[in-house]
């Protein structure tokens, strides 16, 4: 039985153009990198664990962007390790959405 190709597995497929332009890092991009670095240095996660979670991100989110998939993967890994709960994440997201809507 052949293995199913994952969203991340592009080996052997024709490649498209590569965007070589510099991209400005937004503050939340830097925060995601910092969260990963601190968690790795504290021994809370490994790059292999994060990679597994990145590869498990649903295709529609995976294709959305680098930091989007890292955010989902880090969140899922922190929930998996019981560092935070899904309820805490959902509650904070609802709070942030409400604040954004109120500002509009």
PDB file of N, CA and C in Angstrom:
ATOM      1  N   UNK A   1       0.844  -1.184   0.000  1.00  0.00           N
ATOM      2  CA  UNK A   1       0.000   0.000   0.000  1.00  0.00           C
ATOM      3  C   UNK A   1       0.890   1.249   0.000  1.00  0.00           C
ATOM      4  N   UNK A   2       0.743   2.119  -0.992  1.00  0.00           N
ATOM      5  CA  UNK A   2       1.599   3.309  -1.050  1.00  0.00           C
ATOM      6  C   UNK A   2       1.258   4.296   0.073  1.00  0.00           C
ATOM      7  N   UNK A   3       2.269   4.999   0.524  1.00  0.00           N
ATOM      8  CA  UNK A   3       2.066   6.023   1.550  1.00  0.00           C
ATOM      9  C   UNK A   3       1.411   7.251   0.938  1.00  0.00           C
ATOM     10  N   UNK A   4       0.550   7.862   1.692  1.00  0.00           N
ATOM     11  CA  UNK A   4      -0.088   9.090   1.232  1.00  0.00           C
ATOM     12  C   UNK A   4       0.886  10.250   1.403  1.00  0.00           C
ATOM     13  N   UNK A   5       0.984  11.075   0.382  1.00  0.00           N
ATOM     14  CA  UNK A   5       1.891  12.225   0.409  1.00  0.00           C
ATOM     15  C   UNK A   5       1.284  13.313   1.295  1.00  0.00           C
ATOM     16  N   UNK A   6       2.079  13.828   2.213  1.00  0.00           N
ATOM     17  CA  UNK A   6       1.636  14.912   3.080  1.00  0.00           C
ATOM     18  C   UNK A   6       1.734  16.253   2.375  1.00  0.00           C
ATOM     19  N   UNK A   7       1.051  17.232   2.917  1.00  0.00           N
ATOM     20  CA  UNK A   7       1.044  18.590   2.362  1.00  0.00           C
ATOM     21  C   UNK A   7       2.465  19.140   2.248  1.00  0.00           C
ATOM     22  N   UNK A   8       3.318  18.785   3.193  1.00  0.00           N
ATOM     23  CA  UNK A   8       4.672  19.299   3.252  1.00  0.00           C
ATOM     24  C   UNK A   8       5.637  18.560   2.332  1.00  0.00           C
ATOM     25  N   UNK A   9       5.249  17.383   1.841  1.00  0.00           N
ATOM     26  CA  UNK A   9       6.149  16.512   1.084  1.00  0.00           C
ATOM     27  C   UNK A   9       6.115  16.867  -0.398  1.00  0.00           C
ATOM     28  N   UNK A  10       7.070  17.650  -0.836  1.00  0.00           N
ATOM     29  CA  UNK A  10       7.114  18.112  -2.222  1.00  0.00           C
ATOM     30  C   UNK A  10       8.195  17.413  -3.033  1.00  0.00           C
ATOM     31  N   UNK A  11       8.893  16.456  -2.420  1.00  0.00           N
ATOM     32  CA  UNK A  11       9.973  15.754  -3.101  1.00  0.00           C
ATOM     33  C   UNK A  11       9.499  15.112  -4.394  1.00  0.00           C
ATOM     34  N   UNK A  12      10.200  15.375  -5.496  1.00  0.00           N
ATOM     35  CA  UNK A  12       9.883  14.791  -6.779  1.00  0.00           C
ATOM     36  C   UNK A  12       8.827  15.527  -7.575  1.00  0.00           C
ATOM     37  N   UNK A  13       8.175  16.522  -6.976  1.00  0.00           N
ATOM     38  CA  UNK A  13       7.161  17.299  -7.693  1.00  0.00           C
ATOM     39  C   UNK A  13       7.834  18.475  -8.397  1.00  0.00           C
ATOM     40  N   UNK A  14       7.251  18.920  -9.516  1.00  0.00           N
ATOM     41  CA  UNK A  14       7.839  20.087 -10.182  1.00  0.00           C
ATOM     42  C   UNK A  14       7.743  21.311  -9.274  1.00  0.00           C
ATOM     43  N   UNK A  15       8.802  22.042  -9.233  1.00  0.00           N
ATOM     44  CA  UNK A  15       8.838  23.235  -8.384  1.00  0.00           C
ATOM     45  C   UNK A  15       8.344  24.454  -9.126  1.00  0.00           C
ATOM     46  N   UNK A  16       7.813  25.387  -8.391  1.00  0.00           N
ATOM     47  CA  UNK A  16       7.379  26.651  -8.973  1.00  0.00           C
ATOM     48  C   UNK A  16       8.431  27.708  -8.730  1.00  0.00           C
ATOM     49  N   UNK A  17       8.100  28.940  -9.020  1.00  0.00           N
ATOM     50  CA  UNK A  17       9.062  30.021  -8.797  1.00  0.00           C
ATOM     51  C   UNK A  17       9.328  30.209  -7.304  1.00  0.00           C
ATOM     52  N   UNK A  18      10.527  30.627  -6.992  1.00  0.00           N
ATOM     53  CA  UNK A  18      10.916  30.893  -5.612  1.00  0.00           C
ATOM     54  C   UNK A  18      10.986  32.399  -5.425  1.00  0.00           C
ATOM     55  N   UNK A  19      10.271  32.895  -4.433  1.00  0.00           N
ATOM     56  CA  UNK A  19      10.271  34.319  -4.126  1.00  0.00           C
ATOM     57  C   UNK A  19      11.528  34.632  -3.322  1.00  0.00           C
ATOM     58  N   UNK A  20      12.450  35.357  -3.922  1.00  0.00           N
ATOM     59  CA  UNK A  20      13.715  35.683  -3.272  1.00  0.00           C
ATOM     60  C   UNK A  20      13.714  37.077  -2.640  1.00  0.00           C
ATOM     61  N   UNK A  21      12.576  37.729  -2.675  1.00  0.00           N
ATOM     62  CA  UNK A  21      12.473  39.061  -2.090  1.00  0.00           C
ATOM     63  C   UNK A  21      12.557  38.984  -0.566  1.00  0.00           C
ATOM     64  N   UNK A  22      13.150  40.010   0.032  1.00  0.00           N
ATOM     65  CA  UNK A  22      13.179  40.113   1.491  1.00  0.00           C
ATOM     66  C   UNK A  22      11.760  40.412   1.977  1.00  0.00           C
ATOM     67  N   UNK A  23      11.399  39.846   3.097  1.00  0.00           N
ATOM     68  CA  UNK A  23      10.083  40.077   3.679  1.00  0.00           C
ATOM     69  C   UNK A  23      10.261  40.708   5.056  1.00  0.00           C
ATOM     70  N   UNK A  24       9.500  41.758   5.293  1.00  0.00           N
ATOM     71  CA  UNK A  24       9.556  42.419   6.592  1.00  0.00           C
ATOM     72  C   UNK A  24       8.937  41.495   7.638  1.00  0.00           C
ATOM     73  N   UNK A  25       9.630  41.335   8.764  1.00  0.00           N
ATOM     74  CA  UNK A  25       9.072  40.553   9.863  1.00  0.00           C
ATOM     75  C   UNK A  25       8.175  41.455  10.698  1.00  0.00           C
ATOM     76  N   UNK A  26       6.950  41.028  10.849  1.00  0.00           N
ATOM     77  CA  UNK A  26       6.001  41.758  11.683  1.00  0.00           C
ATOM     78  C   UNK A  26       6.268  41.440  13.145  1.00  0.00           C
ATOM     79  N   UNK A  27       5.806  42.277  14.065  1.00  0.00           N
ATOM     80  CA  UNK A  27       6.052  41.997  15.483  1.00  0.00           C
ATOM     81  C   UNK A  27       5.586  40.599  15.926  1.00  0.00           C
ATOM     82  N   UNK A  28       4.443  40.132  15.421  1.00  0.00           N
ATOM     83  CA  UNK A  28       3.973  38.823  15.855  1.00  0.00           C
ATOM     84  C   UNK A  28       4.839  37.703  15.286  1.00  0.00           C
ATOM     85  N   UNK A  29       5.493  37.917  14.135  1.00  0.00           N
ATOM     86  CA  UNK A  29       6.435  36.932  13.590  1.00  0.00           C
ATOM     87  C   UNK A  29       7.613  36.766  14.555  1.00  0.00           C
ATOM     88  N   UNK A  30       8.122  37.901  15.028  1.00  0.00           N
ATOM     89  CA  UNK A  30       9.243  37.878  15.965  1.00  0.00           C
ATOM     90  C   UNK A  30       8.837  37.217  17.278  1.00  0.00           C
ATOM     91  N   UNK A  31       7.599  37.452  17.696  1.00  0.00           N
ATOM     92  CA  UNK A  31       7.121  36.851  18.944  1.00  0.00           C
ATOM     93  C   UNK A  31       7.053  35.332  18.821  1.00  0.00           C
ATOM     94  N   UNK A  32       6.570  34.830  17.691  1.00  0.00           N
ATOM     95  CA  UNK A  32       6.487  33.383  17.487  1.00  0.00           C
ATOM     96  C   UNK A  32       7.885  32.774  17.516  1.00  0.00           C
ATOM     97  N   UNK A  33       8.844  33.413  16.872  1.00  0.00           N
ATOM     98  CA  UNK A  33      10.226  32.924  16.900  1.00  0.00           C
ATOM     99  C   UNK A  33      10.773  32.938  18.322  1.00  0.00           C
ATOM    100  N   UNK A  34      10.466  33.983  19.073  1.00  0.00           N
ATOM    101  CA  UNK A  34      10.944  34.080  20.451  1.00  0.00           C
ATOM    102  C   UNK A  34      10.311  33.004  21.343  1.00  0.00           C
ATOM    103  N   UNK A  35       9.021  32.763  21.173  1.00  0.00           N
ATOM    104  CA  UNK A  35       8.347  31.721  21.968  1.00  0.00           C
ATOM    105  C   UNK A  35       8.998  30.373  21.695  1.00  0.00           C
ATOM    106  N   UNK A  36       9.227  30.066  20.420  1.00  0.00           N
ATOM    107  CA  UNK A  36       9.878  28.798  20.086  1.00  0.00           C
ATOM    108  C   UNK A  36      11.262  28.711  20.726  1.00  0.00           C
ATOM    109  N   UNK A  37      12.056  29.763  20.582  1.00  0.00           N
ATOM    110  CA  UNK A  37      13.425  29.748  21.100  1.00  0.00           C
ATOM    111  C   UNK A  37      13.450  29.548  22.608  1.00  0.00           C
ATOM    112  N   UNK A  38      12.620  30.279  23.329  1.00  0.00           N
ATOM    113  CA  UNK A  38      12.582  30.148  24.787  1.00  0.00           C
ATOM    114  C   UNK A  38      12.133  28.745  25.190  1.00  0.00           C
ATOM    115  N   UNK A  39      11.107  28.230  24.538  1.00  0.00           N
ATOM    116  CA  UNK A  39      10.632  26.888  24.886  1.00  0.00           C
ATOM    117  C   UNK A  39      11.684  25.825  24.595  1.00  0.00           C
ATOM    118  N   UNK A  40      12.409  25.992  23.503  1.00  0.00           N
ATOM    119  CA  UNK A  40      13.465  25.027  23.168  1.00  0.00           C
ATOM    120  C   UNK A  40      14.599  25.106  24.177  1.00  0.00           C
ATOM    121  N   UNK A  41      15.025  26.325  24.518  1.00  0.00           N
ATOM    122  CA  UNK A  41      16.115  26.488  25.481  1.00  0.00           C
ATOM    123  C   UNK A  41      15.743  25.990  26.876  1.00  0.00           C
ATOM    124  N   UNK A  42      14.463  26.072  27.232  1.00  0.00           N
ATOM    125  CA  UNK A  42      14.002  25.575  28.530  1.00  0.00           C
ATOM    126  C   UNK A  42      13.740  24.069  28.516  1.00  0.00           C
ATOM    127  N   UNK A  43      13.921  23.441  27.357  1.00  0.00           N
ATOM    128  CA  UNK A  43      13.725  22.003  27.259  1.00  0.00           C
ATOM    129  C   UNK A  43      12.272  21.571  27.181  1.00  0.00           C
ATOM    130  N   UNK A  44      11.386  22.499  26.847  1.00  0.00           N
ATOM    131  CA  UNK A  44       9.956  22.187  26.770  1.00  0.00           C
ATOM    132  C   UNK A  44       9.573  21.526  25.450  1.00  0.00           C
ATOM    133  N   UNK A  45      10.389  21.721  24.420  1.00  0.00           N
ATOM    134  CA  UNK A  45      10.101  21.105  23.129  1.00  0.00           C
ATOM    135  C   UNK A  45      11.384  20.942  22.346  1.00  0.00           C
ATOM    136  N   UNK A  46      11.299  20.102  21.338  1.00  0.00           N
ATOM    137  CA  UNK A  46      12.433  19.919  20.425  1.00  0.00           C
ATOM    138  C   UNK A  46      12.002  20.340  19.026  1.00  0.00           C
ATOM    139  N   UNK A  47      12.983  20.582  18.183  1.00  0.00           N
ATOM    140  CA  UNK A  47      12.677  20.951  16.805  1.00  0.00           C
ATOM    141  C   UNK A  47      11.939  19.810  16.107  1.00  0.00           C
ATOM    142  N   UNK A  48      12.271  18.568  16.467  1.00  0.00           N
ATOM    143  CA  UNK A  48      11.587  17.425  15.851  1.00  0.00           C
ATOM    144  C   UNK A  48      10.109  17.390  16.224  1.00  0.00           C
ATOM    145  N   UNK A  49       9.786  17.732  17.474  1.00  0.00           N
ATOM    146  CA  UNK A  49       8.379  17.787  17.881  1.00  0.00           C
ATOM    147  C   UNK A  49       7.651  18.882  17.123  1.00  0.00           C
ATOM    148  N   UNK A  50       8.301  20.037  17.000  1.00  0.00           N
ATOM    149  CA  UNK A  50       7.670  21.139  16.275  1.00  0.00           C
ATOM    150  C   UNK A  50       7.477  20.751  14.807  1.00  0.00           C
ATOM    151  N   UNK A  51       8.476  20.125  14.219  1.00  0.00           N
ATOM    152  CA  UNK A  51       8.346  19.711  12.813  1.00  0.00           C
ATOM    153  C   UNK A  51       7.158  18.774  12.630  1.00  0.00           C
ATOM    154  N   UNK A  52       6.997  17.818  13.537  1.00  0.00           N
ATOM    155  CA  UNK A  52       5.854  16.898  13.449  1.00  0.00           C
ATOM    156  C   UNK A  52       4.545  17.670  13.483  1.00  0.00           C
ATOM    157  N   UNK A  53       4.457  18.648  14.386  1.00  0.00           N
ATOM    158  CA  UNK A  53       3.224  19.431  14.488  1.00  0.00           C
ATOM    159  C   UNK A  53       3.013  20.312  13.260  1.00  0.00           C
ATOM    160  N   UNK A  54       4.090  20.861  12.696  1.00  0.00           N
ATOM    161  CA  UNK A  54       3.971  21.654  11.475  1.00  0.00           C
ATOM    162  C   UNK A  54       3.449  20.778  10.344  1.00  0.00           C
ATOM    163  N   UNK A  55       3.975  19.559  10.245  1.00  0.00           N
ATOM    164  CA  UNK A  55       3.551  18.656   9.177  1.00  0.00           C
ATOM    165  C   UNK A  55       2.104  18.195   9.350  1.00  0.00           C
ATOM    166  N   UNK A  56       1.579  18.305  10.566  1.00  0.00           N
ATOM    167  CA  UNK A  56       0.183  17.923  10.833  1.00  0.00           C
ATOM    168  C   UNK A  56      -0.811  19.061  10.614  1.00  0.00           C
ATOM    169  N   UNK A  57      -0.316  20.260  10.329  1.00  0.00           N
ATOM    170  CA  UNK A  57      -1.202  21.408  10.110  1.00  0.00           C
ATOM    171  C   UNK A  57      -2.063  21.129   8.880  1.00  0.00           C
ATOM    172  N   UNK A  58      -3.376  21.412   8.949  1.00  0.00           N
ATOM    173  CA  UNK A  58      -4.250  21.185   7.792  1.00  0.00           C
ATOM    174  C   UNK A  58      -3.762  21.946   6.555  1.00  0.00           C
ATOM    175  N   UNK A  59      -3.958  21.363   5.361  1.00  0.00           N
ATOM    176  CA  UNK A  59      -3.444  21.972   4.126  1.00  0.00           C
ATOM    177  C   UNK A  59      -3.847  23.423   3.914  1.00  0.00           C
ATOM    178  N   UNK A  60      -5.089  23.795   4.240  1.00  0.00           N
ATOM    179  CA  UNK A  60      -5.504  25.180   3.996  1.00  0.00           C
ATOM    180  C   UNK A  60      -4.723  26.162   4.861  1.00  0.00           C
ATOM    181  N   UNK A  61      -4.338  25.752   6.057  1.00  0.00           N
ATOM    182  CA  UNK A  61      -3.535  26.615   6.925  1.00  0.00           C
ATOM    183  C   UNK A  61      -2.059  26.503   6.538  1.00  0.00           C
ATOM    184  N   UNK A  62      -1.619  25.298   6.223  1.00  0.00           N
ATOM    185  CA  UNK A  62      -0.219  25.078   5.853  1.00  0.00           C
ATOM    186  C   UNK A  62       0.172  25.977   4.683  1.00  0.00           C
ATOM    187  N   UNK A  63      -0.705  26.100   3.705  1.00  0.00           N
ATOM    188  CA  UNK A  63      -0.418  26.928   2.538  1.00  0.00           C
ATOM    189  C   UNK A  63      -0.568  28.421   2.811  1.00  0.00           C
ATOM    190  N   UNK A  64      -1.093  28.784   3.986  1.00  0.00           N
ATOM    191  CA  UNK A  64      -1.344  30.179   4.301  1.00  0.00           C
ATOM    192  C   UNK A  64      -0.103  30.996   4.560  1.00  0.00           C
ATOM    193  N   UNK A  65       0.938  30.373   5.045  1.00  0.00           N
ATOM    194  CA  UNK A  65       2.162  31.120   5.307  1.00  0.00           C
ATOM    195  C   UNK A  65       2.999  30.473   6.392  1.00  0.00           C
ATOM    196  N   UNK A  66       4.261  30.825   6.379  1.00  0.00           N
ATOM    197  CA  UNK A  66       5.259  30.244   7.278  1.00  0.00           C
ATOM    198  C   UNK A  66       4.894  30.461   8.745  1.00  0.00           C
ATOM    199  N   UNK A  67       4.656  31.702   9.136  1.00  0.00           N
ATOM    200  CA  UNK A  67       4.400  31.978  10.548  1.00  0.00           C
ATOM    201  C   UNK A  67       3.018  31.519  10.982  1.00  0.00           C
ATOM    202  N   UNK A  68       2.086  31.447  10.053  1.00  0.00           N
ATOM    203  CA  UNK A  68       0.763  30.922  10.379  1.00  0.00           C
ATOM    204  C   UNK A  68       0.860  29.451  10.786  1.00  0.00           C
ATOM    205  N   UNK A  69       1.619  28.665  10.020  1.00  0.00           N
ATOM    206  CA  UNK A  69       1.741  27.244  10.374  1.00  0.00           C
ATOM    207  C   UNK A  69       2.573  27.054  11.628  1.00  0.00           C
ATOM    208  N   UNK A  70       3.591  27.897  11.841  1.00  0.00           N
ATOM    209  CA  UNK A  70       4.373  27.814  13.078  1.00  0.00           C
ATOM    210  C   UNK A  70       3.491  28.153  14.285  1.00  0.00           C
ATOM    211  N   UNK A  71       2.614  29.141  14.138  1.00  0.00           N
ATOM    212  CA  UNK A  71       1.725  29.523  15.242  1.00  0.00           C
ATOM    213  C   UNK A  71       0.803  28.376  15.615  1.00  0.00           C
ATOM    214  N   UNK A  72       0.169  27.774  14.623  1.00  0.00           N
ATOM    215  CA  UNK A  72      -0.732  26.646  14.877  1.00  0.00           C
ATOM    216  C   UNK A  72       0.042  25.485  15.485  1.00  0.00           C
ATOM    217  N   UNK A  73       1.211  25.180  14.921  1.00  0.00           N
ATOM    218  CA  UNK A  73       2.006  24.053  15.408  1.00  0.00           C
ATOM    219  C   UNK A  73       2.475  24.276  16.845  1.00  0.00           C
ATOM    220  N   UNK A  74       2.967  25.469  17.159  1.00  0.00           N
ATOM    221  CA  UNK A  74       3.398  25.757  18.529  1.00  0.00           C
ATOM    222  C   UNK A  74       2.237  25.664  19.510  1.00  0.00           C
ATOM    223  N   UNK A  75       1.095  26.200  19.115  1.00  0.00           N
ATOM    224  CA  UNK A  75      -0.089  26.127  19.971  1.00  0.00           C
ATOM    225  C   UNK A  75      -0.487  24.682  20.212  1.00  0.00           C
ATOM    226  N   UNK A  76      -0.565  23.895  19.141  1.00  0.00           N
ATOM    227  CA  UNK A  76      -0.943  22.485  19.291  1.00  0.00           C
ATOM    228  C   UNK A  76       0.048  21.739  20.177  1.00  0.00           C
ATOM    229  N   UNK A  77       1.331  22.034  20.022  1.00  0.00           N
ATOM    230  CA  UNK A  77       2.346  21.356  20.826  1.00  0.00           C
ATOM    231  C   UNK A  77       2.248  21.751  22.298  1.00  0.00           C
ATOM    232  N   UNK A  78       1.989  23.024  22.572  1.00  0.00           N
ATOM    233  CA  UNK A  78       1.835  23.462  23.969  1.00  0.00           C
ATOM    234  C   UNK A  78       0.603  22.830  24.609  1.00  0.00           C
ATOM    235  N   UNK A  79      -0.473  22.677  23.834  1.00  0.00           N
ATOM    236  CA  UNK A  79      -1.671  22.002  24.346  1.00  0.00           C
ATOM    237  C   UNK A  79      -1.359  20.525  24.578  1.00  0.00           C
ATOM    238  N   UNK A  80      -0.693  19.905  23.621  1.00  0.00           N
ATOM    239  CA  UNK A  80      -0.329  18.494  23.744  1.00  0.00           C
ATOM    240  C   UNK A  80       0.507  18.242  25.001  1.00  0.00           C
ATOM    241  N   UNK A  81       1.408  19.165  25.308  1.00  0.00           N
ATOM    242  CA  UNK A  81       2.290  19.020  26.466  1.00  0.00           C
ATOM    243  C   UNK A  81       1.655  19.542  27.756  1.00  0.00           C
ATOM    244  N   UNK A  82       0.415  19.976  27.651  1.00  0.00           N
ATOM    245  CA  UNK A  82      -0.355  20.486  28.791  1.00  0.00           C
ATOM    246  C   UNK A  82       0.286  21.711  29.451  1.00  0.00           C
ATOM    247  N   UNK A  83       0.933  22.521  28.627  1.00  0.00           N
ATOM    248  CA  UNK A  83       1.470  23.788  29.105  1.00  0.00           C
ATOM    249  C   UNK A  83       0.381  24.851  29.110  1.00  0.00           C
ATOM    250  N   UNK A  84      -0.576  24.708  28.204  1.00  0.00           N
ATOM    251  CA  UNK A  84      -1.777  25.533  28.144  1.00  0.00           C
ATOM    252  C   UNK A  84      -2.927  24.603  27.769  1.00  0.00           C
ATOM    253  N   UNK A  85      -4.140  25.096  27.931  1.00  0.00           N
ATOM    254  CA  UNK A  85      -5.297  24.292  27.537  1.00  0.00           C
ATOM    255  C   UNK A  85      -5.920  24.881  26.278  1.00  0.00           C
ATOM    256  N   UNK A  86      -6.669  24.072  25.585  1.00  0.00           N
ATOM    257  CA  UNK A  86      -7.384  24.550  24.396  1.00  0.00           C
ATOM    258  C   UNK A  86      -8.389  25.625  24.806  1.00  0.00           C
ATOM    259  N   UNK A  87      -9.020  25.468  25.975  1.00  0.00           N
ATOM    260  CA  UNK A  87      -9.958  26.483  26.464  1.00  0.00           C
ATOM    261  C   UNK A  87      -9.262  27.829  26.673  1.00  0.00           C
ATOM    262  N   UNK A  88      -8.036  27.805  27.208  1.00  0.00           N
ATOM    263  CA  UNK A  88      -7.289  29.054  27.396  1.00  0.00           C
ATOM    264  C   UNK A  88      -7.003  29.723  26.053  1.00  0.00           C
ATOM    265  N   UNK A  89      -6.632  28.930  25.078  1.00  0.00           N
ATOM    266  CA  UNK A  89      -6.360  29.468  23.738  1.00  0.00           C
ATOM    267  C   UNK A  89      -7.634  30.061  23.145  1.00  0.00           C
ATOM    268  N   UNK A  90      -8.722  29.290  23.186  1.00  0.00           N
ATOM    269  CA  UNK A  90      -9.989  29.759  22.613  1.00  0.00           C
ATOM    270  C   UNK A  90     -10.482  31.019  23.302  1.00  0.00           C
ATOM    271  N   UNK A  91     -10.337  31.081  24.625  1.00  0.00           N
ATOM    272  CA  UNK A  91     -10.777  32.252  25.392  1.00  0.00           C
ATOM    273  C   UNK A  91      -9.968  33.492  25.000  1.00  0.00           C
ATOM    274  N   UNK A  92      -8.663  33.335  24.900  1.00  0.00           N
ATOM    275  CA  UNK A  92      -7.810  34.474  24.530  1.00  0.00           C
ATOM    276  C   UNK A  92      -8.101  34.928  23.104  1.00  0.00           C
ATOM    277  N   UNK A  93      -8.322  33.975  22.187  1.00  0.00           N
ATOM    278  CA  UNK A  93      -8.645  34.337  20.808  1.00  0.00           C
ATOM    279  C   UNK A  93      -9.961  35.109  20.743  1.00  0.00           C
ATOM    280  N   UNK A  94     -10.958  34.684  21.517  1.00  0.00           N
ATOM    281  CA  UNK A  94     -12.247  35.390  21.550  1.00  0.00           C
ATOM    282  C   UNK A  94     -12.047  36.808  22.088  1.00  0.00           C
ATOM    283  N   UNK A  95     -11.222  36.948  23.110  1.00  0.00           N
ATOM    284  CA  UNK A  95     -10.928  38.261  23.691  1.00  0.00           C
ATOM    285  C   UNK A  95     -10.252  39.172  22.658  1.00  0.00           C
ATOM    286  N   UNK A  96      -9.290  38.639  21.924  1.00  0.00           N
ATOM    287  CA  UNK A  96      -8.588  39.432  20.915  1.00  0.00           C
ATOM    288  C   UNK A  96      -9.505  39.822  19.759  1.00  0.00           C
ATOM    289  N   UNK A  97     -10.373  38.892  19.341  1.00  0.00           N
ATOM    290  CA  UNK A  97     -11.328  39.204  18.269  1.00  0.00           C
ATOM    291  C   UNK A  97     -12.284  40.323  18.702  1.00  0.00           C
ATOM    292  N   UNK A  98     -12.782  40.222  19.934  1.00  0.00           N
ATOM    293  CA  UNK A  98     -13.700  41.234  20.455  1.00  0.00           C
ATOM    294  C   UNK A  98     -13.030  42.600  20.503  1.00  0.00           C
ATOM    295  N   UNK A  99     -11.778  42.637  20.950  1.00  0.00           N
ATOM    296  CA  UNK A  99     -11.052  43.913  21.023  1.00  0.00           C
ATOM    297  C   UNK A  99     -10.847  44.491  19.621  1.00  0.00           C
ATOM    298  N   UNK A 100     -10.528  43.642  18.651  1.00  0.00           N
ATOM    299  CA  UNK A 100     -10.340  44.113  17.274  1.00  0.00           C
ATOM    300  C   UNK A 100     -11.641  44.654  16.706  1.00  0.00           C
ATOM    301  N   UNK A 101     -12.753  43.938  16.937  1.00  0.00           N
ATOM    302  CA  UNK A 101     -14.055  44.382  16.440  1.00  0.00           C
ATOM    303  C   UNK A 101     -14.468  45.695  17.087  1.00  0.00           C
ATOM    304  N   UNK A 102     -14.179  45.860  18.360  1.00  0.00           N
ATOM    305  CA  UNK A 102     -14.540  47.081  19.063  1.00  0.00           C
ATOM    306  C   UNK A 102     -13.745  48.271  18.517  1.00  0.00           C
ATOM    307  N   UNK A 103     -12.522  48.010  18.059  1.00  0.00           N
ATOM    308  CA  UNK A 103     -11.658  49.075  17.539  1.00  0.00           C
ATOM    309  C   UNK A 103     -12.047  49.485  16.117  1.00  0.00           C
ATOM    310  N   UNK A 104     -12.784  48.628  15.417  1.00  0.00           N
ATOM    311  CA  UNK A 104     -13.137  48.929  14.018  1.00  0.00           C
ATOM    312  C   UNK A 104     -14.275  49.862  13.889  1.00  0.00           C
TER     313      UNK A 104
END
